[in-house]
Amino acid sequence: MNLNDIPYYDLGIDLDLTTLKKETKTILDKFETKDYSSRFFLARKKYKKAWSGVSLWGSNGELYSDLSEGDYVGENKPTMLESYAPYMFSVIEKIYGKSPKSRVRLMRIRPGKSLLWHSHVQEHGQDENELTIQIPINLPKGFKYCVVDKDEFSWYKRLYPPSWFKSAQCFELEEGRAYYFNSYHYHNVYNNSKEWRDTIMFYIDYNHKDIKKIFGNKNNISSHGNIGNNEEVLKLFREDR
């Protein structure tokens, strides 16, 4: 059983949600978030209206240098937000251990908005051993995370609703939990509420020993995985650890 077969996985890390919410409010009260600027034509206008953020770790320690696709520009460093959100930064350190850090961002989805179906691995050059982590902090009721098997996806299905895919799995996560979210297959998020969604988003290197410990030192990440029913696949995944 492989991580790429699983839509999401709770890392089982205890977090203080009250403090995360408090520090998020402090950041949003003192700093603006900037719209995500996609390099892709179809996504550019939609993402600008839907997605915004500010960096916790970013290129040269800047707040807004990593709100687009592509490589870092300069050295990845903590930003000035560390002094406003010490607990948030301690959580980042706890998860990474001694493994190298990626860009780390506080990302927001506007009320009533969604993104486009996309895959970090299939389309944006992310290595399949580089895993996407989400820590939802303010998560409106009904906010949906969805994953579709890569083999069912084609470029012209970019705007399809989840119900048009046979393999689509949509689920709700919990605030204050750290999750691996499958970015190997195609995924999207849907905020059908009147509230903002706020989450910490970053990437971890599964090859590093400190990251493997989080997953019980499991060795399998398959480049040929098909997305499965989450409850059934999670059961097999845990038994295989």
C-alpha atoms as a PDB file:
ATOM      1  CA  MET A   1       0.000   0.000   0.000  1.00  0.00           C
ATOM      2  CA  ASN A   2       1.340   3.418  -0.980  1.00  0.00           C
ATOM      3  CA  LEU A   3       0.953   7.003   0.133  1.00  0.00           C
ATOM      4  CA  ASN A   4      -0.056   7.966  -3.385  1.00  0.00           C
ATOM      5  CA  ASP A   5      -3.114   5.735  -3.014  1.00  0.00           C
ATOM      6  CA  ILE A   6      -4.419   7.781  -0.083  1.00  0.00           C
ATOM      7  CA  PRO A   7      -6.393  11.037  -0.516  1.00  0.00           C
ATOM      8  CA  TYR A   8      -5.177  12.360   2.843  1.00  0.00           C
ATOM      9  CA  TYR A   9      -3.560  11.199   6.068  1.00  0.00           C
ATOM     10  CA  ASP A  10      -3.716  12.633   9.595  1.00  0.00           C
ATOM     11  CA  LEU A  11      -0.132  12.868  10.852  1.00  0.00           C
ATOM     12  CA  GLY A  12      -1.328  12.331  14.426  1.00  0.00           C
ATOM     13  CA  ILE A  13       0.424  15.403  15.844  1.00  0.00           C
ATOM     14  CA  ASP A  14      -1.175  17.168  18.821  1.00  0.00           C
ATOM     15  CA  LEU A  15      -1.614  20.884  18.158  1.00  0.00           C
ATOM     16  CA  ASP A  16      -2.991  23.782  20.204  1.00  0.00           C
ATOM     17  CA  LEU A  17      -5.824  25.050  17.996  1.00  0.00           C
ATOM     18  CA  THR A  18      -6.666  27.970  20.298  1.00  0.00           C
ATOM     19  CA  THR A  19      -3.138  29.356  19.987  1.00  0.00           C
ATOM     20  CA  LEU A  20      -3.057  28.741  16.232  1.00  0.00           C
ATOM     21  CA  LYS A  21      -6.293  30.700  15.839  1.00  0.00           C
ATOM     22  CA  LYS A  22      -5.033  33.503  18.069  1.00  0.00           C
ATOM     23  CA  GLU A  23      -1.778  33.868  16.159  1.00  0.00           C
ATOM     24  CA  THR A  24      -3.572  33.679  12.812  1.00  0.00           C
ATOM     25  CA  LYS A  25      -5.828  36.544  13.892  1.00  0.00           C
ATOM     26  CA  THR A  26      -2.784  38.562  14.967  1.00  0.00           C
ATOM     27  CA  ILE A  27      -1.146  38.060  11.569  1.00  0.00           C
ATOM     28  CA  LEU A  28      -4.299  38.916   9.623  1.00  0.00           C
ATOM     29  CA  ASP A  29      -4.924  42.005  11.776  1.00  0.00           C
ATOM     30  CA  LYS A  30      -1.393  43.348  11.287  1.00  0.00           C
ATOM     31  CA  PHE A  31      -0.529  42.211   7.758  1.00  0.00           C
ATOM     32  CA  GLU A  32      -2.362  41.998   4.484  1.00  0.00           C
ATOM     33  CA  THR A  33      -2.474  38.853   2.402  1.00  0.00           C
ATOM     34  CA  LYS A  34      -1.769  39.143  -1.304  1.00  0.00           C
ATOM     35  CA  ASP A  35      -3.537  37.389  -4.164  1.00  0.00           C
ATOM     36  CA  TYR A  36      -1.930  34.317  -5.664  1.00  0.00           C
ATOM     37  CA  SER A  37      -0.497  35.132  -9.093  1.00  0.00           C
ATOM     38  CA  SER A  38      -0.540  32.050 -11.310  1.00  0.00           C
ATOM     39  CA  ARG A  39       1.678  31.739 -14.375  1.00  0.00           C
ATOM     40  CA  PHE A  40      -1.053  29.739 -16.114  1.00  0.00           C
ATOM     41  CA  PHE A  41      -3.597  31.641 -18.188  1.00  0.00           C
ATOM     42  CA  LEU A  42      -6.704  29.690 -17.207  1.00  0.00           C
ATOM     43  CA  ALA A  43      -5.859  29.805 -13.514  1.00  0.00           C
ATOM     44  CA  ARG A  44      -4.665  33.410 -13.327  1.00  0.00           C
ATOM     45  CA  LYS A  45      -7.992  35.193 -13.101  1.00  0.00           C
ATOM     46  CA  LYS A  46      -9.721  32.528 -11.012  1.00  0.00           C
ATOM     47  CA  TYR A  47      -6.931  32.230  -8.461  1.00  0.00           C
ATOM     48  CA  LYS A  48      -6.624  35.988  -8.088  1.00  0.00           C
ATOM     49  CA  LYS A  49     -10.256  36.100  -6.967  1.00  0.00           C
ATOM     50  CA  ALA A  50     -10.082  32.975  -4.806  1.00  0.00           C
ATOM     51  CA  TRP A  51      -6.663  32.458  -3.220  1.00  0.00           C
ATOM     52  CA  SER A  52      -4.352  34.687  -1.199  1.00  0.00           C
ATOM     53  CA  GLY A  53      -1.629  34.313   1.377  1.00  0.00           C
ATOM     54  CA  VAL A  54       1.460  35.457   3.238  1.00  0.00           C
ATOM     55  CA  SER A  55       4.733  33.595   3.831  1.00  0.00           C
ATOM     56  CA  LEU A  56       6.013  32.217   7.124  1.00  0.00           C
ATOM     57  CA  TRP A  57       9.120  30.846   5.425  1.00  0.00           C
ATOM     58  CA  GLY A  58       9.891  32.354   2.021  1.00  0.00           C
ATOM     59  CA  SER A  59      12.483  33.411  -0.518  1.00  0.00           C
ATOM     60  CA  ASN A  60      14.946  35.743   1.229  1.00  0.00           C
ATOM     61  CA  GLY A  61      12.557  35.875   4.182  1.00  0.00           C
ATOM     62  CA  GLU A  62      10.085  38.021   2.246  1.00  0.00           C
ATOM     63  CA  LEU A  63       6.363  37.984   2.970  1.00  0.00           C
ATOM     64  CA  TYR A  64       5.003  37.849  -0.572  1.00  0.00           C
ATOM     65  CA  SER A  65       7.753  36.440  -2.805  1.00  0.00           C
ATOM     66  CA  ASP A  66       6.331  32.903  -3.052  1.00  0.00           C
ATOM     67  CA  LEU A  67       2.709  33.445  -4.032  1.00  0.00           C
ATOM     68  CA  SER A  68       3.126  31.870  -7.451  1.00  0.00           C
ATOM     69  CA  GLU A  69       4.349  28.660  -9.051  1.00  0.00           C
ATOM     70  CA  GLY A  70       8.028  28.195  -9.657  1.00  0.00           C
ATOM     71  CA  ASP A  71      11.342  27.958  -7.848  1.00  0.00           C
ATOM     72  CA  TYR A  72      12.628  30.050  -4.975  1.00  0.00           C
ATOM     73  CA  VAL A  73      14.316  33.351  -5.694  1.00  0.00           C
ATOM     74  CA  GLY A  74      17.107  33.479  -3.136  1.00  0.00           C
ATOM     75  CA  GLU A  75      17.551  31.624   0.142  1.00  0.00           C
ATOM     76  CA  ASN A  76      14.522  30.193   1.950  1.00  0.00           C
ATOM     77  CA  LYS A  77      14.320  31.937   5.341  1.00  0.00           C
ATOM     78  CA  PRO A  78      11.817  32.618   8.138  1.00  0.00           C
ATOM     79  CA  THR A  79       9.905  35.872   7.718  1.00  0.00           C
ATOM     80  CA  MET A  80       9.218  38.621  10.235  1.00  0.00           C
ATOM     81  CA  LEU A  81       5.973  36.842  11.167  1.00  0.00           C
ATOM     82  CA  GLU A  82       8.009  34.621  13.506  1.00  0.00           C
ATOM     83  CA  SER A  83       7.870  37.291  16.209  1.00  0.00           C
ATOM     84  CA  TYR A  84       4.054  37.463  15.915  1.00  0.00           C
ATOM     85  CA  ALA A  85       3.412  33.716  15.778  1.00  0.00           C
ATOM     86  CA  PRO A  86       6.034  31.854  17.841  1.00  0.00           C
ATOM     87  CA  TYR A  87       3.828  28.830  18.430  1.00  0.00           C
ATOM     88  CA  MET A  88       3.034  28.506  14.726  1.00  0.00           C
ATOM     89  CA  PHE A  89       6.746  28.521  13.939  1.00  0.00           C
ATOM     90  CA  SER A  90       7.416  25.938  16.679  1.00  0.00           C
ATOM     91  CA  VAL A  91       4.866  23.626  15.013  1.00  0.00           C
ATOM     92  CA  ILE A  92       6.724  23.990  11.721  1.00  0.00           C
ATOM     93  CA  GLU A  93      10.002  23.101  13.450  1.00  0.00           C
ATOM     94  CA  LYS A  94       8.380  20.110  15.158  1.00  0.00           C
ATOM     95  CA  ILE A  95       7.132  18.616  11.901  1.00  0.00           C
ATOM     96  CA  TYR A  96      10.268  19.255   9.867  1.00  0.00           C
ATOM     97  CA  GLY A  97      12.744  18.093  12.486  1.00  0.00           C
ATOM     98  CA  LYS A  98      16.165  18.382  10.856  1.00  0.00           C
ATOM     99  CA  SER A  99      14.824  17.954   7.327  1.00  0.00           C
ATOM    100  CA  PRO A 100      15.168  20.892   4.895  1.00  0.00           C
ATOM    101  CA  LYS A 101      12.295  23.349   4.907  1.00  0.00           C
ATOM    102  CA  SER A 102      10.246  24.427   1.901  1.00  0.00           C
ATOM    103  CA  ARG A 103       8.254  27.601   1.492  1.00  0.00           C
ATOM    104  CA  VAL A 104       5.654  27.755   4.262  1.00  0.00           C
ATOM    105  CA  ARG A 105       2.591  29.919   3.750  1.00  0.00           C
ATOM    106  CA  LEU A 106      -0.605  30.914   5.497  1.00  0.00           C
ATOM    107  CA  MET A 107      -3.106  30.512   2.653  1.00  0.00           C
ATOM    108  CA  ARG A 108      -6.700  31.742   2.455  1.00  0.00           C
ATOM    109  CA  ILE A 109      -9.644  30.720   0.262  1.00  0.00           C
ATOM    110  CA  ARG A 110     -12.354  33.341  -0.142  1.00  0.00           C
ATOM    111  CA  PRO A 111     -15.997  32.568   0.656  1.00  0.00           C
ATOM    112  CA  GLY A 112     -17.847  30.906  -2.222  1.00  0.00           C
ATOM    113  CA  LYS A 113     -14.687  30.145  -4.195  1.00  0.00           C
ATOM    114  CA  SER A 114     -12.800  27.124  -5.516  1.00  0.00           C
ATOM    115  CA  LEU A 115      -9.565  26.542  -7.420  1.00  0.00           C
ATOM    116  CA  LEU A 116      -8.962  24.435 -10.557  1.00  0.00           C
ATOM    117  CA  TRP A 117      -8.156  20.753 -10.753  1.00  0.00           C
ATOM    118  CA  HIS A 118      -4.368  20.500 -10.698  1.00  0.00           C
ATOM    119  CA  SER A 119      -1.554  18.160  -9.713  1.00  0.00           C
ATOM    120  CA  HIS A 120       1.723  19.382  -8.251  1.00  0.00           C
ATOM    121  CA  VAL A 121       3.527  16.245  -9.442  1.00  0.00           C
ATOM    122  CA  GLN A 122       1.927  15.666 -12.851  1.00  0.00           C
ATOM    123  CA  GLU A 123       2.040  19.332 -13.926  1.00  0.00           C
ATOM    124  CA  HIS A 124       4.285  21.502 -11.743  1.00  0.00           C
ATOM    125  CA  GLY A 125       7.462  19.465 -11.388  1.00  0.00           C
ATOM    126  CA  GLN A 126       7.050  18.504  -7.740  1.00  0.00           C
ATOM    127  CA  ASP A 127       8.925  15.296  -6.933  1.00  0.00           C
ATOM    128  CA  GLU A 128       6.607  12.480  -5.861  1.00  0.00           C
ATOM    129  CA  ASN A 129       8.598  12.181  -2.622  1.00  0.00           C
ATOM    130  CA  GLU A 130       7.842  15.815  -1.788  1.00  0.00           C
ATOM    131  CA  LEU A 131       4.582  15.675   0.156  1.00  0.00           C
ATOM    132  CA  THR A 132       2.070  18.481   0.630  1.00  0.00           C
ATOM    133  CA  ILE A 133       1.082  19.261   4.216  1.00  0.00           C
ATOM    134  CA  GLN A 134      -2.010  21.191   5.265  1.00  0.00           C
ATOM    135  CA  ILE A 135      -2.826  22.443   8.777  1.00  0.00           C
ATOM    136  CA  PRO A 136      -6.381  23.870   8.662  1.00  0.00           C
ATOM    137  CA  ILE A 137      -6.892  26.604  11.257  1.00  0.00           C
ATOM    138  CA  ASN A 138     -10.155  28.295  10.279  1.00  0.00           C
ATOM    139  CA  LEU A 139     -12.175  25.753   8.345  1.00  0.00           C
ATOM    140  CA  PRO A 140     -15.807  26.655   7.489  1.00  0.00           C
ATOM    141  CA  LYS A 141     -18.402  23.939   7.841  1.00  0.00           C
ATOM    142  CA  GLY A 142     -18.872  22.212   4.491  1.00  0.00           C
ATOM    143  CA  PHE A 143     -15.444  23.165   3.116  1.00  0.00           C
ATOM    144  CA  LYS A 144     -14.480  20.291   0.810  1.00  0.00           C
ATOM    145  CA  TYR A 145     -11.124  18.868  -0.196  1.00  0.00           C
ATOM    146  CA  CYS A 146     -11.385  16.673  -3.317  1.00  0.00           C
ATOM    147  CA  VAL A 147      -9.025  14.282  -5.107  1.00  0.00           C
ATOM    148  CA  VAL A 148      -9.417  12.656  -8.551  1.00  0.00           C
ATOM    149  CA  ASP A 149      -7.330   9.843  -9.995  1.00  0.00           C
ATOM    150  CA  LYS A 150      -4.714  11.130 -12.442  1.00  0.00           C
ATOM    151  CA  ASP A 151      -5.714   8.493 -15.003  1.00  0.00           C
ATOM    152  CA  GLU A 152      -9.243   9.855 -15.215  1.00  0.00           C
ATOM    153  CA  PHE A 153      -8.157  13.454 -15.650  1.00  0.00           C
ATOM    154  CA  SER A 154      -7.647  15.335 -18.925  1.00  0.00           C
ATOM    155  CA  TRP A 155      -6.855  18.995 -19.471  1.00  0.00           C
ATOM    156  CA  TYR A 156     -10.373  19.819 -20.710  1.00  0.00           C
ATOM    157  CA  LYS A 157     -11.821  18.616 -17.372  1.00  0.00           C
ATOM    158  CA  ARG A 158     -10.138  21.438 -15.466  1.00  0.00           C
ATOM    159  CA  LEU A 159     -13.489  23.032 -14.517  1.00  0.00           C
ATOM    160  CA  TYR A 160     -15.502  19.845 -14.048  1.00  0.00           C
ATOM    161  CA  PRO A 161     -17.412  19.501 -10.756  1.00  0.00           C
ATOM    162  CA  PRO A 162     -16.404  16.504  -8.613  1.00  0.00           C
ATOM    163  CA  SER A 163     -19.648  14.689  -9.420  1.00  0.00           C
ATOM    164  CA  TRP A 164     -18.534  14.356 -13.057  1.00  0.00           C
ATOM    165  CA  PHE A 165     -15.614  12.079 -12.068  1.00  0.00           C
ATOM    166  CA  LYS A 166     -16.043   8.411 -11.174  1.00  0.00           C
ATOM    167  CA  SER A 167     -12.934   8.413  -8.972  1.00  0.00           C
ATOM    168  CA  ALA A 168     -13.602  11.690  -7.123  1.00  0.00           C
ATOM    169  CA  GLN A 169     -13.343  11.610  -3.362  1.00  0.00           C
ATOM    170  CA  CYS A 170     -14.419  14.655  -1.383  1.00  0.00           C
ATOM    171  CA  PHE A 171     -13.965  14.995   2.344  1.00  0.00           C
ATOM    172  CA  GLU A 172     -13.883  17.460   5.213  1.00  0.00           C
ATOM    173  CA  LEU A 173     -10.830  17.815   7.433  1.00  0.00           C
ATOM    174  CA  GLU A 174     -10.618  19.047  11.013  1.00  0.00           C
ATOM    175  CA  GLU A 175      -9.222  22.312  12.331  1.00  0.00           C
ATOM    176  CA  GLY A 176      -5.993  22.022  14.272  1.00  0.00           C
ATOM    177  CA  ARG A 177      -4.818  18.756  12.691  1.00  0.00           C
ATOM    178  CA  ALA A 178      -1.795  18.290  10.420  1.00  0.00           C
ATOM    179  CA  TYR A 179      -2.532  16.352   7.232  1.00  0.00           C
ATOM    180  CA  TYR A 180      -0.703  14.903   4.278  1.00  0.00           C
ATOM    181  CA  PHE A 181      -2.894  15.942   1.337  1.00  0.00           C
ATOM    182  CA  ASN A 182      -2.440  14.032  -1.914  1.00  0.00           C
ATOM    183  CA  SER A 183      -0.964  16.343  -4.567  1.00  0.00           C
ATOM    184  CA  TYR A 184       0.272  13.467  -6.746  1.00  0.00           C
ATOM    185  CA  HIS A 185      -3.229  12.983  -8.172  1.00  0.00           C
ATOM    186  CA  TYR A 186      -5.450  15.883  -9.239  1.00  0.00           C
ATOM    187  CA  HIS A 187      -7.106  17.852  -6.477  1.00  0.00           C
ATOM    188  CA  ASN A 188      -9.275  20.882  -5.802  1.00  0.00           C
ATOM    189  CA  VAL A 189     -10.937  22.635  -2.867  1.00  0.00           C
ATOM    190  CA  TYR A 190     -14.433  24.099  -2.569  1.00  0.00           C
ATOM    191  CA  ASN A 191     -15.498  26.787  -0.126  1.00  0.00           C
ATOM    192  CA  ASN A 192     -19.274  26.929  -0.401  1.00  0.00           C
ATOM    193  CA  SER A 193     -19.583  28.919   2.814  1.00  0.00           C
ATOM    194  CA  LYS A 194     -19.670  32.629   3.638  1.00  0.00           C
ATOM    195  CA  GLU A 195     -16.461  32.430   5.651  1.00  0.00           C
ATOM    196  CA  TRP A 196     -12.752  32.379   4.825  1.00  0.00           C
ATOM    197  CA  ARG A 197     -10.670  29.236   5.027  1.00  0.00           C
ATOM    198  CA  ASP A 198      -7.212  29.683   6.580  1.00  0.00           C
ATOM    199  CA  THR A 199      -4.556  26.970   6.495  1.00  0.00           C
ATOM    200  CA  ILE A 200      -0.810  26.563   6.830  1.00  0.00           C
ATOM    201  CA  MET A 201       0.581  24.899   3.712  1.00  0.00           C
ATOM    202  CA  PHE A 202       4.066  23.538   3.077  1.00  0.00           C
ATOM    203  CA  TYR A 203       6.042  20.616   1.651  1.00  0.00           C
ATOM    204  CA  ILE A 204       8.154  17.903   3.292  1.00  0.00           C
ATOM    205  CA  ASP A 205      10.809  15.547   1.900  1.00  0.00           C
ATOM    206  CA  TYR A 206       9.625  11.990   2.505  1.00  0.00           C
ATOM    207  CA  ASN A 207      13.139  10.635   1.953  1.00  0.00           C
ATOM    208  CA  HIS A 208      14.411  12.314   5.128  1.00  0.00           C
ATOM    209  CA  LYS A 209      14.596  10.088   8.227  1.00  0.00           C
ATOM    210  CA  ASP A 210      12.810  12.643  10.451  1.00  0.00           C
ATOM    211  CA  ILE A 211       9.853  12.721   8.059  1.00  0.00           C
ATOM    212  CA  LYS A 212       9.727   8.948   7.710  1.00  0.00           C
ATOM    213  CA  LYS A 213       9.282   8.697  11.473  1.00  0.00           C
ATOM    214  CA  ILE A 214       5.990  10.577  11.189  1.00  0.00           C
ATOM    215  CA  PHE A 215       4.708   7.906   8.810  1.00  0.00           C
ATOM    216  CA  GLY A 216       6.064   4.993  10.838  1.00  0.00           C
ATOM    217  CA  ASN A 217       9.171   4.645   8.637  1.00  0.00           C
ATOM    218  CA  LYS A 218       7.044   3.413   5.765  1.00  0.00           C
ATOM    219  CA  ASN A 219       9.073   3.024   2.550  1.00  0.00           C
ATOM    220  CA  ASN A 220       6.393   2.936  -0.120  1.00  0.00           C
ATOM    221  CA  ILE A 221       5.590   5.879  -2.332  1.00  0.00           C
ATOM    222  CA  SER A 222       4.362   4.519  -5.653  1.00  0.00           C
ATOM    223  CA  SER A 223       4.537   6.409  -8.924  1.00  0.00           C
ATOM    224  CA  HIS A 224       1.823   4.118 -10.256  1.00  0.00           C
ATOM    225  CA  GLY A 225      -0.740   4.479  -7.496  1.00  0.00           C
ATOM    226  CA  ASN A 226      -4.457   4.847  -8.130  1.00  0.00           C
ATOM    227  CA  ILE A 227      -6.564   6.777  -5.683  1.00  0.00           C
ATOM    228  CA  GLY A 228      -8.648   4.422  -3.564  1.00  0.00           C
ATOM    229  CA  ASN A 229     -11.548   4.607  -1.128  1.00  0.00           C
ATOM    230  CA  ASN A 230     -10.032   6.444   1.802  1.00  0.00           C
ATOM    231  CA  GLU A 231     -11.384   4.308   4.653  1.00  0.00           C
ATOM    232  CA  GLU A 232     -10.431   1.025   2.982  1.00  0.00           C
ATOM    233  CA  VAL A 233      -7.034   2.261   1.826  1.00  0.00           C
ATOM    234  CA  LEU A 234      -6.188   3.842   5.174  1.00  0.00           C
ATOM    235  CA  LYS A 235      -6.931   0.557   6.918  1.00  0.00           C
ATOM    236  CA  LEU A 236      -4.570  -1.316   4.587  1.00  0.00           C
ATOM    237  CA  PHE A 237      -1.967   1.454   4.866  1.00  0.00           C
ATOM    238  CA  ARG A 238      -1.936   1.244   8.670  1.00  0.00           C
ATOM    239  CA  GLU A 239      -1.775  -2.548   8.618  1.00  0.00           C
ATOM    240  CA  ASP A 240       1.182  -2.368   6.223  1.00  0.00           C
ATOM    241  CA  ARG A 241       3.212  -0.037   8.450  1.00  0.00           C
END
